[in-house]
Protein backbone atom coordinates (compact mmCIF):
# COMPACT_ATOMS: atom_id res chain seq x y z
CA MET A 1 -87.37 -114.45 -158.26
CA LYS A 2 -86.72 -113.65 -154.65
CA GLY A 3 -86.72 -110.32 -152.89
CA GLY A 4 -86.16 -107.86 -155.72
CA GLU A 5 -83.57 -109.84 -157.68
CA LYS A 6 -83.21 -108.48 -161.17
CA THR A 7 -82.47 -110.49 -164.24
CA MET A 8 -79.96 -109.28 -166.77
CA ASN A 9 -81.48 -107.02 -169.38
CA TRP A 10 -80.01 -108.20 -172.68
CA LYS A 11 -80.88 -104.96 -174.47
CA ASP A 12 -78.82 -102.98 -171.98
CA PHE A 13 -76.03 -105.55 -172.14
CA PHE A 14 -75.61 -105.20 -175.91
CA ARG A 15 -76.63 -101.54 -176.25
CA PRO A 16 -73.65 -99.48 -177.38
CA ASN A 17 -72.45 -96.71 -175.12
CA ILE A 18 -69.32 -94.62 -175.06
CA THR A 19 -67.58 -96.88 -172.52
CA LYS A 20 -68.10 -100.02 -174.60
CA VAL A 21 -67.01 -98.33 -177.82
CA ILE A 22 -63.88 -96.86 -176.23
CA PHE A 23 -62.99 -100.19 -174.64
CA SER A 24 -63.51 -101.96 -178.00
CA LEU A 25 -61.17 -99.46 -179.66
CA PHE A 26 -58.68 -100.02 -176.85
CA LEU A 27 -58.79 -103.78 -177.55
CA LEU A 28 -58.26 -103.05 -181.24
CA LEU A 29 -55.21 -100.90 -180.54
CA LEU A 30 -53.85 -103.38 -178.01
CA SER A 31 -54.11 -106.26 -180.46
CA PHE A 32 -52.36 -104.23 -183.17
CA PHE A 33 -49.68 -103.24 -180.67
CA LEU A 34 -49.13 -106.87 -179.66
CA SER A 35 -49.03 -107.89 -183.32
CA GLY A 36 -46.41 -105.25 -184.03
CA LEU A 37 -44.48 -106.18 -180.92
CA ASN A 38 -44.57 -109.80 -182.01
CA PHE A 39 -43.40 -108.82 -185.51
CA PHE A 40 -40.46 -106.76 -184.28
CA THR A 41 -39.35 -109.04 -181.43
CA THR A 42 -39.47 -112.43 -183.13
CA THR A 43 -36.85 -113.60 -185.52
CA GLY A 44 -36.22 -117.02 -186.93
CA ASP A 45 -37.00 -119.77 -184.48
CA ASN A 46 -38.54 -117.41 -181.88
CA SER A 47 -41.72 -117.01 -183.92
CA SER A 48 -43.69 -119.09 -181.41
CA TYR A 49 -44.01 -115.99 -179.15
CA ILE A 50 -47.51 -115.34 -180.45
CA PHE A 51 -48.66 -118.70 -179.12
CA GLU A 52 -47.05 -118.23 -175.72
CA ASN A 53 -48.78 -114.95 -174.89
CA PRO A 54 -52.24 -115.56 -173.31
CA LEU A 55 -53.33 -111.96 -173.85
CA TYR A 56 -52.73 -112.37 -177.57
CA TRP A 57 -54.82 -115.56 -177.55
CA LEU A 58 -57.64 -113.75 -175.77
CA LEU A 59 -57.62 -110.78 -178.15
CA LEU A 60 -57.37 -112.72 -181.39
CA LEU A 61 -59.28 -115.91 -180.61
CA PRO A 62 -61.75 -115.72 -183.56
CA PHE A 63 -58.94 -114.96 -185.99
CA LEU A 64 -56.89 -117.90 -184.74
CA ILE A 65 -59.89 -120.24 -185.01
CA ILE A 66 -60.58 -119.12 -188.58
CA LEU A 67 -56.87 -119.36 -189.40
CA LYS A 68 -56.79 -122.92 -188.03
CA SER A 69 -59.68 -123.85 -190.33
CA ASN A 70 -57.44 -123.18 -193.37
CA MET A 71 -60.14 -120.97 -194.92
CA TYR A 72 -57.44 -118.61 -196.19
CA LEU A 73 -56.39 -121.32 -198.66
CA LEU A 74 -59.85 -121.35 -200.24
CA SER A 75 -60.49 -117.64 -200.49
CA PRO A 76 -57.99 -115.10 -199.13
CA LYS A 77 -60.39 -112.15 -199.60
CA LEU A 78 -63.26 -113.91 -197.83
CA PHE A 79 -60.85 -114.95 -195.08
CA GLY A 80 -59.87 -111.31 -194.53
CA VAL A 81 -63.44 -110.04 -194.45
CA ILE A 82 -64.74 -112.78 -192.15
CA SER A 83 -61.74 -112.42 -189.84
CA LEU A 84 -62.15 -108.66 -189.55
CA ILE A 85 -65.91 -108.82 -188.93
CA SER A 86 -65.57 -111.63 -186.39
CA LEU A 87 -62.81 -109.76 -184.54
CA PHE A 88 -64.87 -106.57 -184.26
CA ILE A 89 -67.88 -108.52 -182.99
CA TYR A 90 -65.68 -110.42 -180.55
CA TRP A 91 -64.00 -107.25 -179.24
CA TYR A 92 -67.38 -105.62 -178.74
CA LEU A 93 -68.67 -108.68 -176.85
CA LEU A 94 -65.54 -108.63 -174.69
CA SER A 95 -66.11 -104.97 -173.93
CA CYS A 96 -69.77 -105.68 -173.05
CA VAL A 97 -68.70 -108.38 -170.60
CA VAL A 98 -66.02 -106.19 -169.02
CA VAL A 99 -68.39 -103.23 -168.62
CA TRP A 100 -71.09 -105.51 -167.19
CA LEU A 101 -68.65 -107.05 -164.70
CA PHE A 102 -67.34 -103.63 -163.72
CA ASN A 103 -70.88 -102.36 -163.09
CA LYS A 104 -71.77 -105.53 -161.19
CA ILE A 105 -68.71 -105.21 -158.93
CA ARG A 106 -69.38 -101.52 -158.35
CA GLY A 107 -72.92 -102.34 -157.30
CA LYS A 108 -74.59 -100.50 -160.14
CA LYS A 109 -77.67 -102.17 -161.60
């Protein structure tokens, strides 16, 4: 390493703090809001809205991947549990990345 460069500390990156938890909850609420908005604004042949909204893709990527795998046909209960767990992990990872980028841009270690 040159002149005092610091490597990323993975423990700090994944360590929960109030900012990461609040941002994860915000992502949860935003995804539910978009789901509800999609439910109330699509009728009939307009149901492709969910696939045209990039924010929805970003928020629900693990769910859409699991849904595409047709796992729900094998075991609906397992599908629900795995989807929920993967979404929470994904939202937390997204919040970790956003907080890390914010701190990096601000100049904080």
